[in-house]
Protein backbone atom coordinates (compact mmCIF):
# COMPACT_ATOMS: atom_id res chain seq x y z
CA UNK A 1 -3.33 -11.24 1.94
CA UNK A 2 -1.00 -9.01 3.98
CA UNK A 3 -2.64 -6.39 6.19
CA UNK A 4 -1.67 -2.72 6.36
CA UNK A 5 -2.85 -0.31 9.03
CA UNK A 6 -2.71 3.30 7.79
CA UNK A 7 -2.67 5.81 10.65
CA UNK A 8 -3.34 9.15 8.98
CA UNK A 9 -5.43 12.21 9.87
CA UNK A 10 -5.76 13.69 6.38
CA UNK A 11 -8.94 12.17 4.90
CA UNK A 12 -7.89 12.84 1.31
CA UNK A 13 -4.45 11.23 1.73
CA UNK A 14 -5.95 8.34 3.66
CA UNK A 15 -8.37 7.66 0.79
CA UNK A 16 -5.62 7.81 -1.86
CA UNK A 17 -3.23 5.64 0.18
CA UNK A 18 -5.95 3.13 0.97
CA UNK A 19 -6.94 2.86 -2.69
CA UNK A 20 -3.33 2.47 -3.85
CA UNK A 21 -2.47 -0.24 -1.31
CA UNK A 22 -5.73 -2.12 -1.93
CA UNK A 23 -5.01 -2.13 -5.68
CA UNK A 24 -1.50 -3.39 -4.84
CA UNK A 25 -3.01 -6.44 -3.17
CA UNK A 26 -3.02 -5.50 0.49
CA UNK A 27 -5.88 -5.63 2.99
CA UNK A 28 -6.12 -2.05 4.29
CA UNK A 29 -7.47 -0.70 7.57
CA UNK A 30 -7.30 2.96 8.52
CA UNK A 31 -7.22 4.87 11.79
CA UNK A 32 -6.97 8.53 12.76
CA UNK A 33 -7.35 8.83 16.54
CA UNK A 34 -5.97 6.91 19.49
CA UNK A 35 -9.36 5.22 19.93
CA UNK A 36 -9.36 4.22 16.21
CA UNK A 37 -5.85 2.80 16.55
CA UNK A 38 -6.73 0.83 19.69
CA UNK A 39 -9.93 -0.54 18.12
CA UNK A 40 -8.15 -1.54 14.93
CA UNK A 41 -5.35 -3.33 16.79
CA UNK A 42 -7.88 -5.10 19.01
CA UNK A 43 -9.75 -6.35 15.94
CA UNK A 44 -6.74 -7.65 14.01
CA UNK A 45 -2.96 -7.53 13.86
CA UNK A 46 -1.53 -5.82 10.78
CA UNK A 47 1.61 -7.02 9.02
CA UNK A 48 2.85 -3.45 8.69
CA UNK A 49 1.83 0.03 9.86
CA UNK A 50 2.10 3.29 7.92
CA UNK A 51 2.22 6.05 10.55
CA UNK A 52 1.79 9.80 10.19
CA UNK A 53 3.44 11.97 12.84
CA UNK A 54 0.66 14.54 13.21
CA UNK A 55 -2.61 13.13 14.54
CA UNK A 56 -5.56 14.88 16.19
CA UNK A 57 -5.23 13.52 19.73
CA UNK A 58 -1.84 11.79 19.93
CA UNK A 59 1.44 12.32 18.13
CA UNK A 60 3.14 9.68 16.04
CA UNK A 61 6.08 9.42 18.41
CA UNK A 62 3.80 8.29 21.24
CA UNK A 63 1.97 5.87 18.94
CA UNK A 64 5.30 4.31 17.93
CA UNK A 65 6.48 4.10 21.54
CA UNK A 66 3.22 2.41 22.55
CA UNK A 67 3.46 -0.05 19.64
CA UNK A 68 7.05 -1.00 20.47
CA UNK A 69 6.27 -1.38 24.20
CA UNK A 70 3.42 -3.85 23.57
CA UNK A 71 4.35 -7.53 23.10
CA UNK A 72 1.49 -7.95 20.59
CA UNK A 73 2.73 -5.18 18.28
CA UNK A 74 6.43 -4.69 19.01
CA UNK A 75 7.60 -6.74 16.01
CA UNK A 76 5.30 -5.11 13.44
CA UNK A 77 7.37 -2.96 11.06
CA UNK A 78 6.34 0.69 11.16
CA UNK A 79 6.99 3.09 8.31
CA UNK A 80 6.74 6.69 9.43
CA UNK A 81 5.19 8.55 6.48
CA UNK A 82 5.14 12.23 7.32
CA UNK A 83 5.90 15.71 6.07
CA UNK A 84 7.92 16.43 9.21
CA UNK A 85 11.39 16.16 7.83
CA UNK A 86 13.91 17.38 10.35
CA UNK A 87 16.91 15.19 11.01
CA UNK A 88 15.92 15.21 14.68
CA UNK A 89 12.44 13.84 13.89
CA UNK A 90 13.89 11.13 11.66
CA UNK A 91 16.49 10.10 14.23
CA UNK A 92 13.95 10.12 17.06
CA UNK A 93 11.57 7.84 15.18
CA UNK A 94 14.19 5.41 13.88
CA UNK A 95 15.75 5.26 17.35
CA UNK A 96 12.27 4.45 18.72
CA UNK A 97 12.00 1.48 16.35
CA UNK A 98 10.61 2.73 13.04
CA UNK A 99 11.64 0.45 10.16
CA UNK A 100 11.77 3.46 7.81
CA UNK A 101 11.06 7.19 7.74
CA UNK A 102 9.67 8.46 4.44
CA UNK A 103 8.89 12.12 3.80
CA UNK A 104 5.55 12.35 1.97
CA UNK A 105 6.65 15.03 -0.46
CA UNK A 106 9.77 13.05 -1.46
CA UNK A 107 8.18 9.69 -2.33
CA UNK A 108 5.46 8.46 -4.64
CA UNK A 109 2.95 5.91 -3.43
CA UNK A 110 4.56 3.42 -5.83
CA UNK A 111 7.80 3.90 -3.88
CA UNK A 112 5.95 3.39 -0.61
CA UNK A 113 4.50 0.14 -2.00
CA UNK A 114 8.03 -0.93 -2.94
CA UNK A 115 9.23 -0.19 0.61
CA UNK A 116 6.31 -2.13 2.10
CA UNK A 117 7.04 -5.04 -0.21
CA UNK A 118 10.73 -4.98 0.78
CA UNK A 119 9.76 -5.15 4.46
CA UNK A 120 6.94 -7.73 4.41
CA UNK A 121 6.70 -9.18 0.92
CA UNK A 122 3.45 -9.57 -0.99
């Protein structure tokens, strides 16, 4: 079973995303803070990461930079899933190594599952 790490600060969205991806056959772990992210990555290596830009104690850009700088995590595809939608934000994150940038309000969770599947398979 492929593993997804959801990094999201909105508890309601995190619950809905987690439920959807679990029902789609993925093993889901969630994180909200830098400490949560570090603990999750120390415990297991996900096959893909769904990353929000706005987090309580670190921003998504720094999380992505840290992931791509670490040999253990640099090859894990990261989908930025955020409501920040400026062209500058999208360019910054894709330039930093994001596999995709999806604006939450523009995509259904079914479409996110399709994107995950296209990046890592079932």
